[in-house]
Amino acid sequence: MERLSPIWVEGQLIEIKRRAGAVTQFLTMRDTLAEVSVTLSTSQAVLDAAGPLTEGTVVAAWVRPTVWSKSGSLTFECRELRPSGEGRLLAAIEQRKRMLQAEGLFDPSRKRRLPFLPRRIGLVTGAKSAAERDVTEHIARRWPAAVVDVRNALVQGQQAVEQLIDAVRSLDAHPEVDVIIIARGGGSLEDLLPFSDEALARAVFACRTPVVSAIGHETDTPILDLVADVRASTPTDAAKRVVPDAAAEAELVRAALGRVRGAIVGRVESEQRRLGELRSRPVLRDPAAFLAGHDERLQTARDRLGRAIDGRLREERLGLGHTVDRIRALSPLATLQRGYAILADATGGSVESVGATEPGATLVARLADGRLNLTVTEIEVQE
C-alpha cells in the first residue's frame, strides 16, 4: 500500500480535528457520490495554505495511503489541499471578506439607522421577480401611503454587478429617497456571487442613504449583508424593517391616548381629593376661627395700651399742674396778687432802693389789677 503513488481525490470535509500545538492534524473526508469516508492526516502548514476551511466544504486532496502497523488501520496522508467547486468560491469570498473587513467596511459604528417613515423607498431588484412582489406588497399592506421607487437590474450573471451599482447610485442621488432596499430571492452560491462582488460592496459603502440588504434566505450571507446598514433575512423582512405597520401604530396611538386620558383623569381626581382634604381643615372651614385668638390678644393689648396712655396722661397732667403752680409761685404776678407792688421810674427801670429816686420824681406802681402814676413827695430812709 505504501508503495502506491500519491493521487488527487475529491470529497467533502465532514470533520476537522484541530489540535492546538500539534504538528499533525486530522480530517475526515466523505466521498461525494458513495457513502464512504476516510481519515486524512495532514500538517498545520497544509491547512493554513488551503485557506479558511469549514465542515461541509468540497475539497481536492493530494493523498498517499498509509497503513498503521499497530492497529492495521488504513489512513491517508494529505500533502496538499485545495478547495474545489463551491469550496473554491467560498474560499475566495472569505478572503475578500477579510480584506474588506480590514479596511473597515463592516464596522458597526458606521452603520446608519433607518428612518421611522421614509419619504420615498428605493428598491433594487430583478424585473417582475418574486422579491419585487414581496417587498412592494408588504410595504403597501403595512403603510399604504408609502412611495416605492423600483429600479430593475439583473441579479445574476456577468452584467449584474454593473447594473446593480448603477441602480444603487441612481437612487442614492435622488433627494427624496431615504432608504434603499437591495432584494433577491434564494439561489445557489454561483447565483448569489454578484452580491459578494467587491465593486458592489464599495458602492454600497459609499452611499449616503441607508441600505437594507435582503438577499436569499436566512442561511445566505453574501458580503453585501455585511456592508449594508441593515441585513434583512428575506425580502419580506426588509419590507417590515423599512416601514411601520399602520394598524400597529394606530393601536399604539390609541393605547397612548388611553394612557394619557387615564393619567389626566387620575391627576384630576387626585387634585380633587387634595382640595377636599384642604377644604375640610378647620382653618378653611371657618377662616375667622383662626383669627379669634389673635383678635382677643389684640383687644387685650389695646386695653392695656389705653390704660397705659390714660395713666401716663394723668401723671403728665399732675406733673404739669405742679410745675404751673411752682411757676406761678415764682411769678411776680403772684406776688402782686398778695398786695405787693412793683415800682418803676419814668424810663421803666425798676426802683429797688429809695436812693434810686428823689423827691418830685414820677414813678409807676404796678399792681395786680393795674398801674398807679405816683409823684415822690418825700423820701424816708429805713435805718
Protein backbone atom coordinates (compact mmCIF):
# COMPACT_ATOMS: atom_id res chain seq x y z
CA MET A 1 0.00 0.00 0.00
CA GLU A 2 2.75 2.43 0.91
CA ARG A 3 4.45 1.87 -2.45
CA LEU A 4 1.45 3.39 -4.20
CA SER A 5 1.92 6.87 -5.71
CA PRO A 6 0.04 9.91 -4.30
CA ILE A 7 -3.22 10.67 -6.07
CA TRP A 8 -5.72 13.54 -6.21
CA VAL A 9 -9.14 12.76 -4.75
CA GLU A 10 -12.21 14.93 -4.32
CA GLY A 11 -14.56 14.79 -1.38
CA GLN A 12 -16.43 16.70 1.28
CA LEU A 13 -14.87 17.59 4.62
CA ILE A 14 -17.24 16.35 7.30
CA GLU A 15 -14.93 16.79 10.30
CA ILE A 16 -11.84 18.86 11.08
CA LYS A 17 -9.96 17.90 14.24
CA ARG A 18 -7.65 20.76 15.07
CA ARG A 19 -5.21 20.13 17.90
CA ALA A 20 -3.54 23.23 19.28
CA GLY A 21 0.24 22.97 19.25
CA ALA A 22 0.24 19.60 17.49
CA VAL A 23 2.19 19.04 14.27
CA THR A 24 -0.26 16.52 12.82
CA GLN A 25 -3.92 17.40 12.27
CA PHE A 26 -6.72 15.01 11.28
CA LEU A 27 -9.54 15.40 8.78
CA THR A 28 -12.45 13.17 7.83
CA MET A 29 -13.45 13.29 4.17
CA ARG A 30 -16.51 11.69 2.62
CA ASP A 31 -16.95 10.66 -1.00
CA THR A 32 -19.31 12.98 -2.89
CA LEU A 33 -21.14 10.05 -4.53
CA ALA A 34 -20.81 6.98 -2.31
CA GLU A 35 -21.37 6.67 1.44
CA VAL A 36 -17.66 6.17 2.12
CA SER A 37 -15.50 8.24 4.45
CA VAL A 38 -11.77 8.11 5.21
CA THR A 39 -9.43 9.73 7.70
CA LEU A 40 -6.70 12.08 6.50
CA SER A 41 -3.64 13.17 8.43
CA THR A 42 -2.02 16.41 7.45
CA SER A 43 0.16 19.18 8.80
CA GLN A 44 -0.86 22.58 10.09
CA ALA A 45 1.05 24.20 7.23
CA VAL A 46 -1.11 22.36 4.64
CA LEU A 47 -4.30 23.55 6.40
CA ASP A 48 -3.07 27.14 6.53
CA ALA A 49 -2.14 27.10 2.87
CA ALA A 50 -5.61 25.89 1.90
CA GLY A 51 -7.17 29.00 3.40
CA PRO A 52 -10.26 29.08 5.62
CA LEU A 53 -11.95 25.69 5.64
CA THR A 54 -15.22 24.72 7.25
CA GLU A 55 -17.02 21.44 7.64
CA GLY A 56 -19.07 20.71 4.53
CA THR A 57 -16.54 22.25 2.12
CA VAL A 58 -15.77 20.22 -1.02
CA VAL A 59 -12.01 19.93 -1.47
CA ALA A 60 -9.44 18.27 -3.66
CA ALA A 61 -6.72 16.47 -1.67
CA TRP A 62 -3.39 15.08 -2.82
CA VAL A 63 -3.13 12.00 -0.64
CA ARG A 64 -0.89 8.97 -0.16
CA PRO A 65 -2.22 5.79 1.54
CA THR A 66 -0.62 4.69 4.80
CA VAL A 67 -1.19 1.59 6.97
CA TRP A 68 -0.65 1.79 10.73
CA SER A 69 1.06 -1.46 11.65
CA LYS A 70 -0.04 -1.43 15.28
CA SER A 71 -3.75 -1.17 14.58
CA GLY A 72 -3.85 -2.29 10.98
CA SER A 73 -5.93 0.76 10.08
CA LEU A 74 -5.72 2.43 6.72
CA THR A 75 -5.27 6.21 6.65
CA PHE A 76 -4.21 8.73 4.06
CA GLU A 77 -1.51 11.33 4.37
CA CYS A 78 -2.64 14.61 2.80
CA ARG A 79 0.25 16.55 1.31
CA GLU A 80 -1.79 19.31 -0.40
CA LEU A 81 -5.35 20.57 -0.02
CA ARG A 82 -7.35 22.85 -2.28
CA PRO A 83 -10.99 23.99 -2.17
CA SER A 84 -12.91 22.53 -5.08
CA GLY A 85 -16.10 23.76 -6.77
CA GLU A 86 -18.15 25.76 -4.23
CA GLY A 87 -15.32 25.37 -1.80
CA ARG A 88 -13.08 27.40 -4.08
CA LEU A 89 -15.73 30.09 -4.37
CA LEU A 90 -16.29 30.16 -0.62
CA ALA A 91 -12.55 30.47 -0.03
CA ALA A 92 -12.34 33.38 -2.46
CA ILE A 93 -15.35 35.08 -0.82
CA GLU A 94 -13.87 34.53 2.61
CA GLN A 95 -10.57 36.06 1.53
CA ARG A 96 -12.47 39.06 0.11
CA LYS A 97 -14.39 39.40 3.36
CA ARG A 98 -11.18 39.55 5.36
CA MET A 99 -9.76 42.25 3.09
CA LEU A 100 -12.87 44.42 3.25
CA GLN A 101 -13.19 43.92 6.99
CA ALA A 102 -9.60 45.07 7.46
CA GLU A 103 -10.49 48.25 5.56
CA GLY A 104 -13.41 48.93 7.92
CA LEU A 105 -16.31 48.32 5.53
CA PHE A 106 -18.05 46.10 8.10
CA ASP A 107 -17.53 48.46 11.05
CA PRO A 108 -20.78 48.58 13.09
CA SER A 109 -20.08 52.17 14.19
CA ARG A 110 -20.53 53.50 10.63
CA LYS A 111 -23.90 51.84 10.05
CA ARG A 112 -26.78 54.32 9.88
CA ARG A 113 -30.21 53.97 11.47
CA LEU A 114 -33.24 53.59 9.23
CA PRO A 115 -35.74 56.48 9.17
CA PHE A 116 -39.01 55.85 11.00
CA LEU A 117 -41.14 56.80 8.00
CA PRO A 118 -39.18 57.34 4.74
CA ARG A 119 -40.49 59.80 2.15
CA ARG A 120 -39.52 57.51 -0.73
CA ILE A 121 -38.21 53.94 -0.67
CA GLY A 122 -35.74 52.85 -3.32
CA LEU A 123 -35.92 49.18 -4.38
CA VAL A 124 -33.26 47.47 -6.48
CA THR A 125 -34.33 44.02 -7.64
CA GLY A 126 -34.95 41.83 -10.65
CA ALA A 127 -37.72 42.78 -13.06
CA LYS A 128 -41.06 41.13 -12.23
CA SER A 129 -39.34 38.96 -9.63
CA ALA A 130 -40.89 37.36 -6.58
CA ALA A 131 -38.66 39.56 -4.42
CA GLU A 132 -40.08 42.72 -6.01
CA ARG A 133 -43.63 41.49 -5.49
CA ASP A 134 -42.97 40.51 -1.86
CA VAL A 135 -41.41 43.85 -0.97
CA THR A 136 -43.97 46.08 -2.70
CA GLU A 137 -46.99 44.12 -1.49
CA HIS A 138 -45.85 44.00 2.13
CA ILE A 139 -44.94 47.71 2.12
CA ALA A 140 -48.36 48.59 0.68
CA ARG A 141 -50.08 46.37 3.24
CA ARG A 142 -48.17 47.82 6.17
CA TRP A 143 -48.20 51.51 5.11
CA PRO A 144 -50.48 52.21 2.13
CA ALA A 145 -49.20 55.78 1.66
CA ALA A 146 -45.59 54.66 1.16
CA VAL A 147 -43.92 55.54 -2.15
CA VAL A 148 -41.65 52.88 -3.68
CA ASP A 149 -39.21 53.77 -6.46
CA VAL A 150 -38.30 50.48 -8.19
CA ARG A 151 -35.11 50.17 -10.25
CA ASN A 152 -34.86 46.83 -12.04
CA ALA A 153 -31.47 45.23 -12.64
CA LEU A 154 -30.03 41.83 -13.39
CA VAL A 155 -29.43 39.91 -10.20
CA GLN A 156 -27.16 37.21 -11.60
CA GLY A 157 -24.77 36.86 -14.45
CA GLN A 158 -21.81 38.87 -15.74
CA GLN A 159 -23.66 42.18 -16.19
CA ALA A 160 -25.48 42.01 -12.86
CA VAL A 161 -22.83 43.86 -10.82
CA GLU A 162 -22.68 46.83 -13.21
CA GLN A 163 -26.47 47.20 -13.35
CA LEU A 164 -26.82 46.84 -9.58
CA ILE A 165 -24.21 49.54 -8.99
CA ASP A 166 -25.90 51.92 -11.46
CA ALA A 167 -29.29 51.39 -9.81
CA VAL A 168 -27.89 51.96 -6.30
CA ARG A 169 -26.06 55.14 -7.30
CA SER A 170 -29.12 56.47 -9.11
CA LEU A 171 -31.33 56.00 -6.05
CA ASP A 172 -28.66 57.38 -3.73
CA ALA A 173 -28.57 60.58 -5.80
CA HIS A 174 -32.35 61.04 -5.54
CA PRO A 175 -33.02 63.75 -2.91
CA GLU A 176 -36.25 62.17 -1.62
CA VAL A 177 -35.05 58.57 -1.31
CA ASP A 178 -34.49 57.96 2.41
CA VAL A 179 -33.71 54.22 2.28
CA ILE A 180 -32.61 51.71 -0.38
CA ILE A 181 -33.52 48.02 -0.42
CA ILE A 182 -31.49 45.56 -2.48
CA ALA A 183 -33.56 42.40 -2.75
CA ARG A 184 -33.22 39.00 -4.41
CA GLY A 185 -34.77 35.62 -3.79
CA GLY A 186 -32.84 32.49 -2.92
CA GLY A 187 -30.42 30.73 -5.22
CA SER A 188 -27.21 28.78 -5.46
CA LEU A 189 -23.83 30.09 -4.44
CA GLU A 190 -22.99 30.93 -8.04
CA ASP A 191 -26.30 32.78 -8.48
CA LEU A 192 -25.59 34.98 -5.47
CA LEU A 193 -21.98 35.79 -6.45
CA PRO A 194 -22.79 39.34 -7.70
CA PHE A 195 -23.81 40.29 -4.17
CA SER A 196 -20.36 39.32 -2.89
CA ASP A 197 -18.61 41.42 -5.53
CA GLU A 198 -16.06 43.92 -4.22
CA ALA A 199 -17.21 46.74 -6.51
CA LEU A 200 -20.83 46.46 -5.34
CA ALA A 201 -19.69 46.34 -1.72
CA ARG A 202 -17.69 49.54 -2.13
CA ALA A 203 -20.58 51.28 -3.95
CA VAL A 204 -22.94 50.44 -1.10
CA PHE A 205 -20.34 51.57 1.45
CA ALA A 206 -20.09 54.95 -0.31
CA CYS A 207 -23.88 55.56 -0.23
CA ARG A 208 -25.17 58.46 1.85
CA THR A 209 -28.56 56.74 2.04
CA PRO A 210 -29.09 53.80 4.45
CA VAL A 211 -29.08 50.48 2.58
CA VAL A 212 -31.01 47.32 3.52
CA SER A 213 -29.72 44.03 2.15
CA ALA A 214 -32.36 41.33 1.57
CA ILE A 215 -30.57 38.62 -0.37
CA GLY A 216 -31.69 34.99 -0.48
CA HIS A 217 -32.76 33.13 2.61
CA GLU A 218 -31.74 33.24 6.26
CA THR A 219 -28.73 30.97 5.66
CA ASP A 220 -27.36 33.05 2.76
CA THR A 221 -24.78 35.62 3.85
CA PRO A 222 -23.18 37.42 0.89
CA ILE A 223 -20.73 40.24 1.50
CA LEU A 224 -23.49 42.76 0.78
CA ASP A 225 -25.18 41.71 4.06
CA LEU A 226 -22.06 42.73 5.98
CA VAL A 227 -21.58 46.08 4.24
CA ALA A 228 -25.24 47.18 4.30
CA ASP A 229 -26.55 49.22 7.19
CA VAL A 230 -29.25 46.63 7.93
CA ARG A 231 -29.44 42.96 6.97
CA ALA A 232 -32.89 41.51 6.37
CA SER A 233 -33.27 37.74 6.34
CA THR A 234 -35.74 37.84 3.41
CA PRO A 235 -37.31 40.47 1.10
CA THR A 236 -40.46 40.29 3.23
CA ASP A 237 -38.39 41.02 6.33
CA ALA A 238 -36.91 44.05 4.53
CA ALA A 239 -40.41 45.47 3.96
CA LYS A 240 -41.17 45.07 7.65
CA ARG A 241 -37.99 46.91 8.61
CA VAL A 242 -38.33 50.00 6.39
CA VAL A 243 -41.95 50.98 7.15
CA PRO A 244 -44.01 50.66 10.32
CA ASP A 245 -47.29 48.77 10.46
CA ALA A 246 -50.08 51.35 10.17
CA ALA A 247 -52.51 49.21 12.14
CA ALA A 248 -49.97 48.59 14.89
CA GLU A 249 -49.04 52.28 15.03
CA ALA A 250 -52.73 53.25 15.21
CA GLU A 251 -53.16 50.81 18.06
CA LEU A 252 -50.14 52.32 19.81
CA VAL A 253 -51.64 55.79 19.37
CA ARG A 254 -54.96 54.61 20.79
CA ALA A 255 -53.17 52.97 23.71
CA ALA A 256 -51.12 56.12 24.29
CA LEU A 257 -54.26 58.28 24.21
CA GLY A 258 -55.87 55.93 26.69
CA ARG A 259 -52.87 56.19 28.99
CA VAL A 260 -52.82 59.99 28.66
CA ARG A 261 -56.55 60.19 29.32
CA GLY A 262 -56.22 57.89 32.32
CA ALA A 263 -53.31 59.92 33.62
CA ILE A 264 -55.27 63.17 33.27
CA VAL A 265 -58.37 61.73 34.95
CA GLY A 266 -56.23 60.27 37.72
CA ARG A 267 -54.45 63.58 38.24
CA VAL A 268 -57.73 65.50 38.34
CA GLU A 269 -59.22 63.04 40.84
CA SER A 270 -56.08 63.23 42.95
CA GLU A 271 -56.18 67.03 42.96
CA GLN A 272 -59.89 66.95 43.81
CA ARG A 273 -59.15 64.71 46.77
CA ARG A 274 -56.40 67.03 47.91
CA LEU A 275 -58.70 70.04 47.51
CA GLY A 276 -61.40 68.26 49.55
CA GLU A 277 -58.88 67.49 52.28
CA LEU A 278 -57.74 71.12 52.34
CA ARG A 279 -61.30 72.40 52.46
CA SER A 280 -62.13 70.07 55.33
CA ARG A 281 -59.41 71.56 57.52
CA PRO A 282 -60.67 73.86 60.32
CA VAL A 283 -58.74 76.86 59.07
CA LEU A 284 -60.53 76.76 55.73
CA ARG A 285 -63.89 75.61 57.09
CA ASP A 286 -64.04 78.72 59.40
CA PRO A 287 -61.24 81.14 58.45
CA ALA A 288 -62.33 83.62 61.17
CA ALA A 289 -61.71 81.00 63.85
CA PHE A 290 -58.02 81.25 63.15
CA LEU A 291 -58.16 85.00 63.83
CA ALA A 292 -60.25 84.74 67.03
CA GLY A 293 -57.26 84.16 69.27
CA HIS A 294 -55.32 86.95 67.60
CA ASP A 295 -58.31 89.30 67.91
CA GLU A 296 -58.57 88.53 71.61
CA ARG A 297 -54.88 89.18 72.13
CA LEU A 298 -55.17 92.38 70.08
CA GLN A 299 -58.11 93.60 72.20
CA THR A 300 -56.23 92.85 75.39
CA ALA A 301 -53.19 94.72 74.07
CA ARG A 302 -55.47 97.62 73.03
CA ASP A 303 -56.98 97.77 76.54
CA ARG A 304 -53.56 97.71 78.16
CA LEU A 305 -52.40 100.43 75.80
CA GLY A 306 -55.45 102.61 76.60
CA ARG A 307 -54.92 102.21 80.33
CA ALA A 308 -51.24 102.95 79.97
CA ILE A 309 -51.97 106.08 77.93
CA ASP A 310 -54.61 107.27 80.44
CA GLY A 311 -52.24 106.67 83.35
CA ARG A 312 -49.42 108.43 81.57
CA LEU A 313 -51.69 111.40 80.78
CA ARG A 314 -52.79 111.64 84.40
CA GLU A 315 -49.18 111.56 85.55
CA GLU A 316 -48.16 114.20 83.00
CA ARG A 317 -51.21 116.36 83.84
CA LEU A 318 -50.45 116.16 87.55
CA GLY A 319 -46.78 116.96 86.95
CA LEU A 320 -47.77 119.84 84.68
CA GLY A 321 -50.07 121.19 87.38
CA HIS A 322 -47.28 121.07 89.95
CA THR A 323 -44.93 122.81 87.54
CA VAL A 324 -47.50 125.52 86.79
CA ASP A 325 -48.06 126.02 90.48
CA ARG A 326 -44.31 126.38 91.04
CA ILE A 327 -44.03 128.77 88.11
CA ARG A 328 -46.96 130.78 89.38
CA ALA A 329 -45.46 130.86 92.85
CA LEU A 330 -42.30 132.34 91.41
CA SER A 331 -44.14 134.73 89.10
CA PRO A 332 -44.18 138.48 90.04
CA LEU A 333 -47.90 138.46 89.30
CA ALA A 334 -48.47 136.10 92.19
CA THR A 335 -46.57 138.49 94.42
CA LEU A 336 -48.68 141.39 93.22
CA GLN A 337 -51.83 139.39 93.94
CA ARG A 338 -50.75 139.15 97.53
CA GLY A 339 -50.88 143.02 97.80
CA TYR A 340 -47.40 143.95 96.73
CA ALA A 341 -46.48 146.49 94.04
CA ILE A 342 -43.54 146.97 91.71
CA LEU A 343 -42.13 150.48 91.32
CA ALA A 344 -40.58 151.70 88.14
CA ASP A 345 -39.19 155.09 87.16
CA ALA A 346 -40.22 157.12 84.17
CA THR A 347 -37.89 155.17 81.93
CA GLY A 348 -39.39 151.84 83.01
CA GLY A 349 -36.44 150.75 85.12
CA SER A 350 -37.14 149.02 88.43
CA VAL A 351 -36.79 151.10 91.60
CA GLU A 352 -35.26 148.75 94.12
CA SER A 353 -33.98 151.37 96.61
CA VAL A 354 -35.01 154.80 97.91
CA GLY A 355 -31.69 156.00 96.71
CA ALA A 356 -32.74 155.34 93.13
CA THR A 357 -35.26 158.19 93.18
CA GLU A 358 -35.67 161.71 94.51
CA PRO A 359 -38.49 164.00 95.61
CA GLY A 360 -40.56 165.21 92.72
CA ALA A 361 -39.72 162.16 90.57
CA THR A 362 -42.52 160.47 88.76
CA LEU A 363 -42.92 156.72 89.49
CA VAL A 364 -45.18 153.99 88.24
CA ALA A 365 -46.59 151.47 90.70
CA ARG A 366 -47.65 148.17 89.06
CA LEU A 367 -50.34 146.37 90.96
CA ALA A 368 -52.14 143.10 90.26
CA ASP A 369 -55.07 144.85 88.56
CA GLY A 370 -53.38 147.90 87.00
CA ARG A 371 -50.87 150.78 87.42
CA LEU A 372 -50.63 153.90 89.51
CA ASN A 373 -48.72 157.02 88.48
CA LEU A 374 -47.07 158.49 91.54
CA THR A 375 -45.04 161.55 92.38
CA VAL A 376 -42.40 161.30 95.11
CA THR A 377 -43.07 163.98 97.70
CA GLU A 378 -40.81 162.80 100.47
CA ILE A 379 -38.13 160.15 100.94
CA GLU A 380 -37.62 158.29 104.21
CA VAL A 381 -34.59 156.11 104.60
CA GLN A 382 -35.09 152.98 106.74
CA GLU A 383 -32.34 152.58 109.23
